Amino acid sequence: MSNTWRDDAMPYFIGLFFLAGSAFMTWKVTQLWRDADLVDHFTQTFSFMPFGKEVKRGEVRSFALTVASLWGVTVLLFLGLLDVDMTGPLTALFAISLVTVLLSLMCEVSVVLFNAPKFVVPPHMRSDPGVLAARRANRARGPRRTRP
């Protein structure tokens, strides 16, 4: 089987796709931070998730962390594509990208569950309860009554 230009180009196409996706998501997260009216639209984009409204809203709150993680993955992808010797500054770039991805994922869970740390949450969503507080408040209200 011969190695064609398409076989060589595909990894770079995927890398450029990640780069464009990261830039697009950065643009979208800046829109979310500036306009509180977009929260419902962003929440609807998570309609595929089999979770309640609180979790979907938590995902919207943690959107900036998702974007930071995506940028870290993009850098890691390009480091792998370039197949360079990982010494010196590239080792530091690899470590920073990896730490960015891992910290973003841990903070994302914290934002969804507890809405903390507040500085990574859009200003207009900082007063939202986390998933755990919202569910605790729902339980305190008692069982819902349904009409026949």
C-alpha atoms as a PDB file:
ATOM      1  CA  MET A   1       0.000   0.000   0.000  1.00  0.00           C
ATOM      2  CA  SER A   2       1.494   3.309  -1.056  1.00  0.00           C
ATOM      3  CA  ASN A   3       1.659   6.346   1.132  1.00  0.00           C
ATOM      4  CA  THR A   4      -0.282   9.111  -0.620  1.00  0.00           C
ATOM      5  CA  TRP A   5      -0.350  12.828   0.102  1.00  0.00           C
ATOM      6  CA  ARG A   6      -3.813  12.366   1.622  1.00  0.00           C
ATOM      7  CA  ASP A   7      -2.423   9.981   4.218  1.00  0.00           C
ATOM      8  CA  ASP A   8       0.236  12.527   5.153  1.00  0.00           C
ATOM      9  CA  ALA A   9      -2.155  15.498   5.132  1.00  0.00           C
ATOM     10  CA  MET A  10      -4.927  14.037   7.304  1.00  0.00           C
ATOM     11  CA  PRO A  11      -3.212  14.567  10.691  1.00  0.00           C
ATOM     12  CA  TYR A  12      -2.527  18.200   9.768  1.00  0.00           C
ATOM     13  CA  PHE A  13      -6.119  18.657   8.641  1.00  0.00           C
ATOM     14  CA  ILE A  14      -7.260  17.340  12.025  1.00  0.00           C
ATOM     15  CA  GLY A  15      -4.797  19.677  13.751  1.00  0.00           C
ATOM     16  CA  LEU A  16      -6.116  22.680  11.809  1.00  0.00           C
ATOM     17  CA  PHE A  17      -9.662  21.556  12.607  1.00  0.00           C
ATOM     18  CA  PHE A  18      -8.809  21.593  16.336  1.00  0.00           C
ATOM     19  CA  LEU A  19      -7.159  25.005  15.966  1.00  0.00           C
ATOM     20  CA  ALA A  20     -10.201  26.463  14.189  1.00  0.00           C
ATOM     21  CA  GLY A  21     -12.527  24.811  16.717  1.00  0.00           C
ATOM     22  CA  SER A  22     -10.578  26.258  19.636  1.00  0.00           C
ATOM     23  CA  ALA A  23     -10.701  29.740  18.113  1.00  0.00           C
ATOM     24  CA  PHE A  24     -14.447  29.422  17.432  1.00  0.00           C
ATOM     25  CA  MET A  25     -15.174  28.203  20.961  1.00  0.00           C
ATOM     26  CA  THR A  26     -13.125  31.088  22.384  1.00  0.00           C
ATOM     27  CA  TRP A  27     -15.302  33.499  20.406  1.00  0.00           C
ATOM     28  CA  LYS A  28     -18.464  31.787  21.695  1.00  0.00           C
ATOM     29  CA  VAL A  29     -17.340  31.881  25.335  1.00  0.00           C
ATOM     30  CA  THR A  30     -16.602  35.610  25.070  1.00  0.00           C
ATOM     31  CA  GLN A  31     -20.140  36.106  23.765  1.00  0.00           C
ATOM     32  CA  LEU A  32     -21.517  34.146  26.727  1.00  0.00           C
ATOM     33  CA  TRP A  33     -19.514  36.222  29.221  1.00  0.00           C
ATOM     34  CA  ARG A  34     -20.800  39.477  27.699  1.00  0.00           C
ATOM     35  CA  ASP A  35     -24.473  38.628  27.160  1.00  0.00           C
ATOM     36  CA  ALA A  36     -26.614  37.032  29.876  1.00  0.00           C
ATOM     37  CA  ASP A  37     -29.449  36.562  27.373  1.00  0.00           C
ATOM     38  CA  LEU A  38     -27.450  33.803  25.636  1.00  0.00           C
ATOM     39  CA  VAL A  39     -27.550  31.455  28.645  1.00  0.00           C
ATOM     40  CA  ASP A  40     -30.805  29.791  27.551  1.00  0.00           C
ATOM     41  CA  HIS A  41     -29.456  29.273  24.024  1.00  0.00           C
ATOM     42  CA  PHE A  42     -26.283  27.680  25.371  1.00  0.00           C
ATOM     43  CA  THR A  43     -28.314  25.517  27.765  1.00  0.00           C
ATOM     44  CA  GLN A  44     -30.401  24.239  24.848  1.00  0.00           C
ATOM     45  CA  THR A  45     -27.237  23.137  23.043  1.00  0.00           C
ATOM     46  CA  PHE A  46     -26.765  20.573  25.815  1.00  0.00           C
ATOM     47  CA  SER A  47     -30.187  19.023  25.150  1.00  0.00           C
ATOM     48  CA  PHE A  48     -28.498  15.784  24.071  1.00  0.00           C
ATOM     49  CA  MET A  49     -27.280  15.214  27.633  1.00  0.00           C
ATOM     50  CA  PRO A  50     -29.463  12.855  29.686  1.00  0.00           C
ATOM     51  CA  PHE A  51     -29.241  15.090  32.764  1.00  0.00           C
ATOM     52  CA  GLY A  52     -31.471  17.658  34.390  1.00  0.00           C
ATOM     53  CA  LYS A  53     -31.565  21.394  33.851  1.00  0.00           C
ATOM     54  CA  GLU A  54     -29.171  22.046  36.751  1.00  0.00           C
ATOM     55  CA  VAL A  55     -26.395  19.965  35.170  1.00  0.00           C
ATOM     56  CA  LYS A  56     -26.878  21.564  31.759  1.00  0.00           C
ATOM     57  CA  ARG A  57     -26.730  25.023  33.322  1.00  0.00           C
ATOM     58  CA  GLY A  58     -23.606  23.922  35.199  1.00  0.00           C
ATOM     59  CA  GLU A  59     -22.009  22.917  31.910  1.00  0.00           C
ATOM     60  CA  VAL A  60     -22.764  26.385  30.567  1.00  0.00           C
ATOM     61  CA  ARG A  61     -21.192  27.932  33.685  1.00  0.00           C
ATOM     62  CA  SER A  62     -18.033  25.881  33.108  1.00  0.00           C
ATOM     63  CA  PHE A  63     -17.801  26.658  29.382  1.00  0.00           C
ATOM     64  CA  ALA A  64     -14.659  28.810  29.796  1.00  0.00           C
ATOM     65  CA  LEU A  65     -12.899  25.860  31.410  1.00  0.00           C
ATOM     66  CA  THR A  66     -13.957  23.610  28.547  1.00  0.00           C
ATOM     67  CA  VAL A  67     -12.407  26.076  26.113  1.00  0.00           C
ATOM     68  CA  ALA A  68      -9.181  26.277  28.144  1.00  0.00           C
ATOM     69  CA  SER A  69      -9.000  22.492  28.119  1.00  0.00           C
ATOM     70  CA  LEU A  70      -9.596  22.444  24.359  1.00  0.00           C
ATOM     71  CA  TRP A  71      -6.680  24.832  23.820  1.00  0.00           C
ATOM     72  CA  GLY A  72      -4.476  22.557  25.932  1.00  0.00           C
ATOM     73  CA  VAL A  73      -5.512  19.534  23.871  1.00  0.00           C
ATOM     74  CA  THR A  74      -4.832  21.484  20.671  1.00  0.00           C
ATOM     75  CA  VAL A  75      -1.287  22.308  21.790  1.00  0.00           C
ATOM     76  CA  LEU A  76      -0.692  18.673  22.783  1.00  0.00           C
ATOM     77  CA  LEU A  77      -2.016  17.536  19.405  1.00  0.00           C
ATOM     78  CA  PHE A  78       0.334  19.871  17.531  1.00  0.00           C
ATOM     79  CA  LEU A  79       3.287  18.769  19.641  1.00  0.00           C
ATOM     80  CA  GLY A  80       2.507  15.201  18.636  1.00  0.00           C
ATOM     81  CA  LEU A  81       2.045  16.117  14.977  1.00  0.00           C
ATOM     82  CA  LEU A  82       5.325  17.995  14.763  1.00  0.00           C
ATOM     83  CA  ASP A  83       7.178  14.971  16.155  1.00  0.00           C
ATOM     84  CA  VAL A  84       9.963  17.109  17.579  1.00  0.00           C
ATOM     85  CA  ASP A  85      12.510  16.309  20.244  1.00  0.00           C
ATOM     86  CA  MET A  86      10.787  17.099  23.543  1.00  0.00           C
ATOM     87  CA  THR A  87      13.594  18.937  25.299  1.00  0.00           C
ATOM     88  CA  GLY A  88      13.915  22.364  26.817  1.00  0.00           C
ATOM     89  CA  PRO A  89      11.048  24.778  26.145  1.00  0.00           C
ATOM     90  CA  LEU A  90       8.942  22.134  24.393  1.00  0.00           C
ATOM     91  CA  THR A  91       8.990  20.002  27.525  1.00  0.00           C
ATOM     92  CA  ALA A  92       7.729  22.995  29.490  1.00  0.00           C
ATOM     93  CA  LEU A  93       5.034  23.641  26.859  1.00  0.00           C
ATOM     94  CA  PHE A  94       3.973  19.993  27.057  1.00  0.00           C
ATOM     95  CA  ALA A  95       3.804  20.122  30.864  1.00  0.00           C
ATOM     96  CA  ILE A  96       1.871  23.413  30.882  1.00  0.00           C
ATOM     97  CA  SER A  97      -0.617  22.079  28.333  1.00  0.00           C
ATOM     98  CA  LEU A  98      -1.114  18.846  30.239  1.00  0.00           C
ATOM     99  CA  VAL A  99      -1.598  20.669  33.550  1.00  0.00           C
ATOM    100  CA  THR A 100      -4.048  23.055  31.838  1.00  0.00           C
ATOM    101  CA  VAL A 101      -6.158  20.150  30.602  1.00  0.00           C
ATOM    102  CA  LEU A 102      -6.152  18.341  33.952  1.00  0.00           C
ATOM    103  CA  LEU A 103      -6.837  21.443  36.072  1.00  0.00           C
ATOM    104  CA  SER A 104      -9.590  22.547  33.697  1.00  0.00           C
ATOM    105  CA  LEU A 105     -11.310  19.180  34.006  1.00  0.00           C
ATOM    106  CA  MET A 106     -11.080  19.212  37.809  1.00  0.00           C
ATOM    107  CA  CYS A 107     -12.338  22.796  38.033  1.00  0.00           C
ATOM    108  CA  GLU A 108     -15.140  22.022  35.591  1.00  0.00           C
ATOM    109  CA  VAL A 109     -16.477  19.351  37.929  1.00  0.00           C
ATOM    110  CA  SER A 110     -16.236  21.820  40.811  1.00  0.00           C
ATOM    111  CA  VAL A 111     -18.105  24.528  38.877  1.00  0.00           C
ATOM    112  CA  VAL A 112     -20.886  22.142  37.858  1.00  0.00           C
ATOM    113  CA  LEU A 113     -21.342  20.699  41.351  1.00  0.00           C
ATOM    114  CA  PHE A 114     -20.575  23.706  43.586  1.00  0.00           C
ATOM    115  CA  ASN A 115     -20.349  26.769  41.271  1.00  0.00           C
ATOM    116  CA  ALA A 116     -16.840  27.440  42.551  1.00  0.00           C
ATOM    117  CA  PRO A 117     -14.296  28.934  41.892  1.00  0.00           C
ATOM    118  CA  LYS A 118     -16.367  31.971  40.961  1.00  0.00           C
ATOM    119  CA  PHE A 119     -13.697  33.736  38.878  1.00  0.00           C
ATOM    120  CA  VAL A 120     -14.061  31.152  36.063  1.00  0.00           C
ATOM    121  CA  VAL A 121     -17.857  31.537  35.957  1.00  0.00           C
ATOM    122  CA  PRO A 122     -19.506  34.227  33.798  1.00  0.00           C
ATOM    123  CA  PRO A 123     -20.364  37.208  36.036  1.00  0.00           C
ATOM    124  CA  HIS A 124     -24.097  36.906  35.418  1.00  0.00           C
ATOM    125  CA  MET A 125     -24.083  33.244  36.550  1.00  0.00           C
ATOM    126  CA  ARG A 126     -22.032  33.573  39.730  1.00  0.00           C
ATOM    127  CA  SER A 127     -25.106  33.649  41.955  1.00  0.00           C
ATOM    128  CA  ASP A 128     -26.434  30.346  40.554  1.00  0.00           C
ATOM    129  CA  PRO A 129     -26.419  27.412  42.952  1.00  0.00           C
ATOM    130  CA  GLY A 130     -24.337  24.416  42.018  1.00  0.00           C
ATOM    131  CA  VAL A 131     -26.015  21.124  41.149  1.00  0.00           C
ATOM    132  CA  LEU A 132     -25.712  19.808  44.697  1.00  0.00           C
ATOM    133  CA  ALA A 133     -27.184  22.952  46.291  1.00  0.00           C
ATOM    134  CA  ALA A 134     -30.014  23.057  43.740  1.00  0.00           C
ATOM    135  CA  ARG A 135     -30.934  19.424  44.355  1.00  0.00           C
ATOM    136  CA  ARG A 136     -30.743  19.919  48.116  1.00  0.00           C
ATOM    137  CA  ALA A 137     -33.131  22.883  47.808  1.00  0.00           C
ATOM    138  CA  ASN A 138     -35.515  20.812  45.664  1.00  0.00           C
ATOM    139  CA  ARG A 139     -35.540  18.052  48.286  1.00  0.00           C
ATOM    140  CA  ALA A 140     -36.194  20.552  51.069  1.00  0.00           C
ATOM    141  CA  ARG A 141     -39.299  21.784  49.251  1.00  0.00           C
ATOM    142  CA  GLY A 142     -40.753  18.301  49.478  1.00  0.00           C
ATOM    143  CA  PRO A 143     -42.271  15.950  46.940  1.00  0.00           C
ATOM    144  CA  ARG A 144     -44.034  17.425  43.958  1.00  0.00           C
ATOM    145  CA  ARG A 145     -47.734  16.912  43.731  1.00  0.00           C
ATOM    146  CA  THR A 146     -49.208  15.983  40.408  1.00  0.00           C
ATOM    147  CA  ARG A 147     -52.717  16.712  39.324  1.00  0.00           C
ATOM    148  CA  PRO A 148     -54.936  13.843  38.211  1.00  0.00           C
END
